[in-house]
Structure formats: structure tokens, C-alpha cells
Protein backbone atom coordinates (compact mmCIF):
# COMPACT_ATOMS: atom_id res chain seq x y z
CA MET A 1 117.56 96.64 85.09
CA SER A 2 118.67 97.16 81.56
CA ILE A 3 119.30 94.94 78.57
CA ALA A 4 120.95 95.80 75.30
CA PRO A 5 119.99 93.16 72.69
CA ILE A 6 116.72 94.88 71.70
CA GLY A 7 117.54 96.83 68.59
CA VAL A 8 121.22 95.82 68.52
CA THR A 9 122.80 95.59 65.08
CA PRO A 10 125.49 93.02 64.13
CA SER A 11 128.09 95.80 63.89
CA GLU A 12 127.77 96.66 67.59
CA PRO A 13 130.23 95.27 70.14
CA LEU A 14 129.61 91.83 71.62
CA GLY A 15 129.56 93.45 75.07
CA CYS A 16 126.51 95.45 74.02
CA LYS A 17 124.69 92.16 73.43
CA LEU A 18 125.81 90.25 76.50
CA PHE A 19 126.70 92.40 79.50
CA PRO A 20 124.08 95.10 80.27
CA GLY A 21 121.35 92.64 81.24
CA PRO A 22 123.23 90.72 83.96
CA LEU A 23 125.02 93.79 85.32
CA CYS A 24 121.92 95.94 85.55
CA ALA A 25 119.86 93.10 86.97
CA THR A 26 122.67 92.71 89.53
CA LEU A 27 122.17 96.35 90.56
CA HIS A 28 118.45 95.68 91.02
CA PHE A 29 119.26 92.51 92.99
CA PHE A 30 121.67 94.23 95.39
CA SER A 31 119.23 97.13 95.81
CA HIS A 32 116.83 94.66 97.47
CA LEU A 33 119.38 93.04 99.77
CA GLU A 34 120.81 94.24 103.08
CA ILE A 35 122.99 96.89 101.43
CA HIS A 36 121.44 99.82 103.21
CA VAL A 37 122.39 102.68 100.92
CA LEU A 38 121.10 100.83 97.83
CA TRP A 39 117.81 99.76 99.41
CA ALA A 40 117.40 103.23 100.97
CA GLN A 41 117.27 104.77 97.51
CA HIS A 42 115.36 101.94 95.77
CA GLN A 43 112.62 101.53 98.40
CA VAL A 44 111.16 104.86 97.23
CA HIS A 45 110.08 103.08 94.05
CA HIS A 46 108.29 100.41 96.11
CA THR A 47 106.40 102.64 98.54
CA SER A 48 103.36 103.05 96.29
CA GLU A 49 100.30 101.10 97.41
CA ASP A 50 98.96 101.22 93.86
CA PHE A 51 100.47 99.74 90.70
CA ASN A 52 100.22 102.03 87.68
CA MET A 53 102.53 103.76 85.23
CA GLY A 54 103.11 106.59 87.66
CA VAL A 55 105.09 104.10 89.74
CA GLY A 56 107.45 103.71 86.79
CA ILE A 57 108.77 107.25 87.32
CA ARG A 58 108.57 107.12 91.12
CA GLN A 59 112.31 107.12 91.79
CA SER A 60 114.74 108.26 94.45
CA ILE A 61 116.64 111.51 93.98
CA LEU A 62 119.76 109.54 94.97
CA GLN A 63 119.36 106.78 92.37
CA GLY A 64 121.96 108.16 89.98
CA TRP A 65 124.50 108.53 92.78
CA CYS A 66 124.07 104.93 93.95
CA GLY A 67 123.73 102.93 90.75
CA PHE A 68 126.45 104.31 88.50
CA ILE A 69 129.18 102.08 89.95
CA PHE A 70 127.41 98.99 88.54
CA TYR A 71 127.46 100.46 85.05
CA LEU A 72 131.16 101.43 85.03
CA PRO A 73 132.41 97.99 83.83
CA LEU A 74 130.36 98.48 80.66
CA ALA A 75 132.72 101.32 79.69
CA LEU A 76 135.38 98.65 79.00
CA VAL A 77 133.40 97.06 76.16
CA ILE A 78 130.61 99.45 75.10
CA PRO A 79 130.92 102.95 73.57
CA PRO A 80 129.20 105.48 75.88
CA ALA A 81 126.79 106.70 73.18
CA GLN A 82 125.49 103.17 72.58
CA PHE A 83 125.18 102.49 76.31
CA VAL A 84 123.18 105.68 76.92
CA MET A 85 120.82 104.84 74.04
CA HIS A 86 120.16 101.28 75.23
CA HIS A 87 119.89 102.40 78.85
CA GLN A 88 117.17 104.91 77.97
CA PHE A 89 115.31 102.36 75.82
CA SER A 90 115.42 100.06 78.83
CA TYR A 91 113.82 102.70 81.06
CA LEU A 92 111.15 103.36 78.44
CA TYR A 93 110.35 99.64 78.38
CA MET A 94 110.19 99.39 82.16
CA PHE A 95 107.79 102.34 82.33
CA TRP A 96 104.85 100.63 80.68
CA ILE A 97 105.06 97.32 82.60
CA HIS A 98 103.81 99.09 85.74
CA THR A 99 100.13 98.41 85.12
CA ASP A 100 97.28 96.21 86.37
CA THR A 101 95.39 96.56 83.09
CA ILE A 102 97.39 94.10 80.96
CA LYS A 103 96.94 90.59 82.31
CA THR A 104 99.16 88.48 80.05
CA LEU A 105 101.24 88.72 76.86
CA GLY A 106 100.94 85.05 75.94
CA PRO A 107 104.17 83.36 74.72
CA LEU A 108 106.17 86.54 75.39
CA GLU A 109 105.80 85.80 79.10
CA TYR A 110 108.50 83.13 78.70
CA VAL A 111 111.17 85.64 77.61
CA LEU A 112 110.22 89.22 78.46
CA ASN A 113 109.58 90.92 81.76
CA THR A 114 105.88 91.69 81.56
CA PRO A 115 103.29 93.49 83.70
CA SER A 116 102.33 90.09 85.13
CA HIS A 117 105.91 89.33 86.26
CA HIS A 118 106.51 92.84 87.56
CA ARG A 119 103.29 92.88 89.60
CA ILE A 120 104.76 90.01 91.62
CA HIS A 121 108.00 91.96 92.07
CA HIS A 122 106.14 94.93 93.58
CA GLY A 123 104.03 92.90 96.00
CA SER A 124 104.62 92.77 99.74
CA ASN A 125 103.11 89.28 100.12
CA PRO A 126 105.58 86.65 101.38
CA TYR A 127 105.67 84.95 97.96
CA CYS A 128 106.52 88.28 96.28
CA ILE A 129 109.71 89.01 98.23
CA ASP A 130 113.05 88.93 96.37
CA VAL A 131 111.79 87.65 93.01
CA ASN A 132 111.52 88.83 89.38
CA TYR A 133 114.41 91.33 89.30
CA GLY A 134 114.63 91.47 85.49
CA GLY A 135 114.24 94.74 83.60
CA VAL A 136 113.49 93.85 79.97
CA LEU A 137 114.18 90.09 79.95
CA ILE A 138 112.90 87.67 82.57
CA ILE A 139 115.35 84.93 81.55
CA TRP A 140 117.94 86.14 84.10
CA ASP A 141 115.53 85.32 86.93
CA LYS A 142 114.86 81.90 85.46
CA ILE A 143 118.59 81.24 85.16
CA PHE A 144 119.34 82.37 88.74
CA ARG A 145 116.14 80.85 90.19
CA THR A 146 114.61 84.10 91.39
CA PHE A 147 111.55 83.77 89.14
CA ARG A 148 108.00 83.43 90.43
CA PRO A 149 105.04 83.59 88.00
CA GLU A 150 101.75 85.26 88.79
CA MET A 151 99.21 82.61 89.68
CA LYS A 152 95.47 82.66 89.18
CA GLY A 153 93.88 83.84 92.40
CA ASP A 154 96.89 85.81 93.63
CA ARG A 155 95.79 88.83 95.68
CA ILE A 156 98.85 91.06 95.56
CA VAL A 157 99.27 93.74 98.22
CA TYR A 158 101.50 96.47 96.82
CA GLY A 159 103.97 98.52 98.85
CA LEU A 160 106.57 97.78 101.52
CA ILE A 161 106.30 95.11 104.20
CA TYR A 162 106.56 97.90 106.78
CA GLN A 163 104.73 100.65 104.91
CA GLN A 164 105.73 104.26 105.49
CA PRO A 165 103.16 106.21 107.62
CA SER A 166 103.11 109.19 105.26
CA PHE A 167 102.51 110.19 101.64
CA ASN A 168 104.83 113.20 101.97
CA PRO A 169 107.38 112.92 99.08
CA LEU A 170 110.22 114.23 101.25
CA HIS A 171 109.40 111.73 103.99
CA LEU A 172 109.31 108.89 101.46
CA GLN A 173 112.72 110.01 100.20
CA GLY A 174 113.90 109.58 103.79
CA MET A 175 114.63 113.28 104.17
CA SER A 176 113.33 116.27 106.06
CA PRO A 177 113.23 119.68 104.33
CA ILE A 178 116.32 120.72 106.32
CA SER A 179 118.30 117.65 105.23
CA VAL A 180 117.26 118.25 101.60
CA LEU A 181 118.53 121.82 101.86
CA ILE A 182 121.80 120.62 103.40
CA LEU A 183 122.23 118.01 100.67
CA VAL A 184 121.61 120.57 97.89
CA LEU A 185 124.01 123.08 99.44
CA TYR A 186 126.64 120.38 99.91
CA ILE A 187 126.39 119.22 96.28
CA LEU A 188 126.54 122.79 94.94
CA GLY A 189 129.45 123.63 97.24
CA SER A 190 131.36 120.48 96.27
CA LEU A 191 130.92 121.14 92.56
CA THR A 192 132.06 124.74 93.06
CA VAL A 193 135.19 123.67 94.95
CA PHE A 194 136.04 120.99 92.37
CA GLY A 195 135.73 123.57 89.62
CA MET A 196 138.03 125.95 91.51
CA ILE A 197 140.60 123.15 91.93
CA LEU A 198 140.55 122.47 88.19
CA ASP A 199 140.93 126.21 87.55
CA ALA A 200 143.89 126.30 89.98
CA SER A 201 142.18 128.97 92.06
CA PRO A 202 144.31 130.10 95.05
CA LYS A 203 141.22 129.84 97.28
CA ALA A 204 140.48 126.21 96.32
CA PRO A 205 142.75 124.45 98.90
CA ILE A 206 141.32 126.24 101.94
CA LEU A 207 137.74 125.77 100.73
CA GLU A 208 138.34 122.06 100.09
CA MET A 209 139.89 121.73 103.55
CA ALA A 210 136.81 123.41 105.03
CA ARG A 211 134.51 121.09 103.07
CA CYS A 212 136.29 118.00 104.42
CA VAL A 213 136.22 119.33 108.00
CA ILE A 214 132.48 120.00 107.70
CA MET A 215 131.91 116.46 106.42
CA ILE A 216 133.93 115.01 109.33
CA PHE A 217 131.82 117.05 111.78
CA ILE A 218 128.57 115.87 110.18
CA ALA A 219 129.73 112.23 110.05
CA ARG A 220 130.85 112.15 113.67
CA TRP A 221 128.25 114.23 115.48
CA ILE A 222 125.30 115.17 113.26
CA SER A 223 124.37 112.18 111.07
CA PRO A 224 124.08 109.66 113.97
CA SER A 225 121.29 111.81 115.44
CA TRP A 226 119.47 111.49 112.09
CA GLY A 227 119.85 107.70 112.15
CA VAL A 228 122.38 107.82 109.30
CA VAL A 229 125.71 106.05 109.79
CA ILE A 230 128.59 107.06 107.53
CA SER A 231 131.02 104.18 107.09
CA PRO A 232 134.41 104.38 108.87
CA PRO A 233 136.40 104.05 105.58
CA LEU A 234 134.59 107.10 104.18
CA GLN A 235 135.20 109.02 107.41
CA LEU A 236 138.89 108.08 107.22
CA PHE A 237 139.01 109.31 103.62
CA TYR A 238 137.68 112.72 104.66
CA ILE A 239 140.11 112.89 107.59
CA LEU A 240 143.10 112.12 105.34
CA SER A 241 141.82 114.56 102.72
CA ALA A 242 141.45 117.30 105.37
CA LEU A 243 145.01 116.64 106.61
CA PHE A 244 146.37 116.77 103.07
CA TRP A 245 144.71 120.08 102.26
CA SER A 246 145.69 121.49 105.67
CA LEU A 247 149.35 120.75 104.93
CA PHE A 248 148.92 122.18 101.44
CA VAL A 249 147.48 125.42 102.83
CA TYR A 250 150.22 125.58 105.50
CA LYS A 251 152.99 125.15 102.92
CA THR A 252 151.39 127.73 100.64
CA VAL A 253 151.22 130.27 103.46
CA GLU A 254 154.81 129.45 104.44
CA ILE A 255 156.09 129.93 100.89
CA ARG A 256 154.25 133.25 100.57
CA ALA A 257 155.73 134.42 103.90
CA VAL A 258 159.26 133.58 102.70
CA LYS A 259 158.71 135.37 99.41
CA SER A 260 157.34 138.46 101.11
CA SER A 261 160.31 138.58 103.51
CA ASP A 262 162.70 138.45 100.55
């Protein structure tokens, strides 16, 4: 979804010129496949039945939490400041290609991702499915044979194949108001506990243990009723984390009891 070469100077690392395009297009590619958590956050962008620049900023609130892992390899070859700059330029470019007004850009259609190419990507017609993943450059789709040009006479139907029966933003995000509140409280609570751990607060271990126990309870008994399945490896991680912090709290209490008896 992002490509660095636009505006790159010769003094910048080779990785800045080569890697962001394929990696970020890979994120876009996997977001359309049967990787539920990635499609669950990306489908928000595709729910619009219109195609205009407002769609360019129609994003999931979970996007940042799901996509960052694909960008981590760039840290090995690209300074963070340069990555952030190119990443934001990429988003600015992708904003304006969400339009029906511009029909063609002539010879630039061979290299750049254009409104014409991106209209096909947002269609729900059979010939629009799983094509034109590129962000700034369309050459990646031509290389990996996922390119499909817009043809004269195409009548594109925008939106999902199974369109959501609501225009409620929370519904389109896949969340009820209660689940949004729970998510916000969980994020704030987690950040608070992490900060207390870094500050070596004496209350941090018991709060972290409580956080893990709550997550285990939600994963085992609450989330299945919402139609959300938390993977067994993640559940195991929380169980092991809860056991670790339980032992830590137990040892702390034991040490304090010995000291007080002395």
C-alpha cells in the first residue's frame, strides 16, 4: 500500500527505494485473503457503495493494530523518519485516487495506480475480486498477475459482495457500543498497567495478573457469544502470563511475610 521511490534522493538507503512497495502491497494482498483479522479491519474501507474521496479516509479503527507487523522488516534497512515521511506521502497519494471523476491519466496508467485501476479494486463484480492491490505503483500487480484494467462499458458495483445491512459506523466497524467501550477500557487499562510495570510500581504485578485473567475469561466464555474466536496460541499466552504473575505476586507476599516476622 505504500511505495518509497517517489521523491527519494540518491543519498537515501537502497531499502527505501526497493522494499516498501512490495511489503505494503503484501499487507493489502493478505488483507483481502482468508486471514480473518486482516479482512475484518480492511473490509470497513470497502463497505461504501459510492466511490469518492471520502472513501479514502474510510478506515478501520483497528488498522494500525493489524498492519504494523508488515512494516517492521523495513526497520532493518530504512531510518524511521524516512519511512514515516514516505508512508504519509503514500497515504496522501492514495486519497485522491478514490474518484469517479477522473477517467484516465494516459501513459501514466502503465506505471501508476490511478483512479481507473482503483475503481476496479473497489468493485464487487466478479471481475473486480482480488485484483489491483497496488498503492502508488501498479507494476506490482502486473508482475504478480493480479492486474485487471478498466474496460469500456464496465458497470462497476461498489461495496462488498455481501453488503452490510446498515450504515451505522459502529456496525460497519463490526462492533456494538458496548464492545467499543470494552475495547477502549481494555486499551487504557493495558497502557496503565504497562506504565506501572516500567515504573516498578508494587501494584503492577497484581493488576497485570488481573488483566490476564480477565482476558482469559473473555476469550473462553464471552467472545464466542459475539462470534469472535481468539486463537488458542494467544489464549495460551495469556494463561502462561497469568500463571507467571500469580507466582510473582505469591513470592512477593511470601517475602514480605518473612520480613515482617523478622
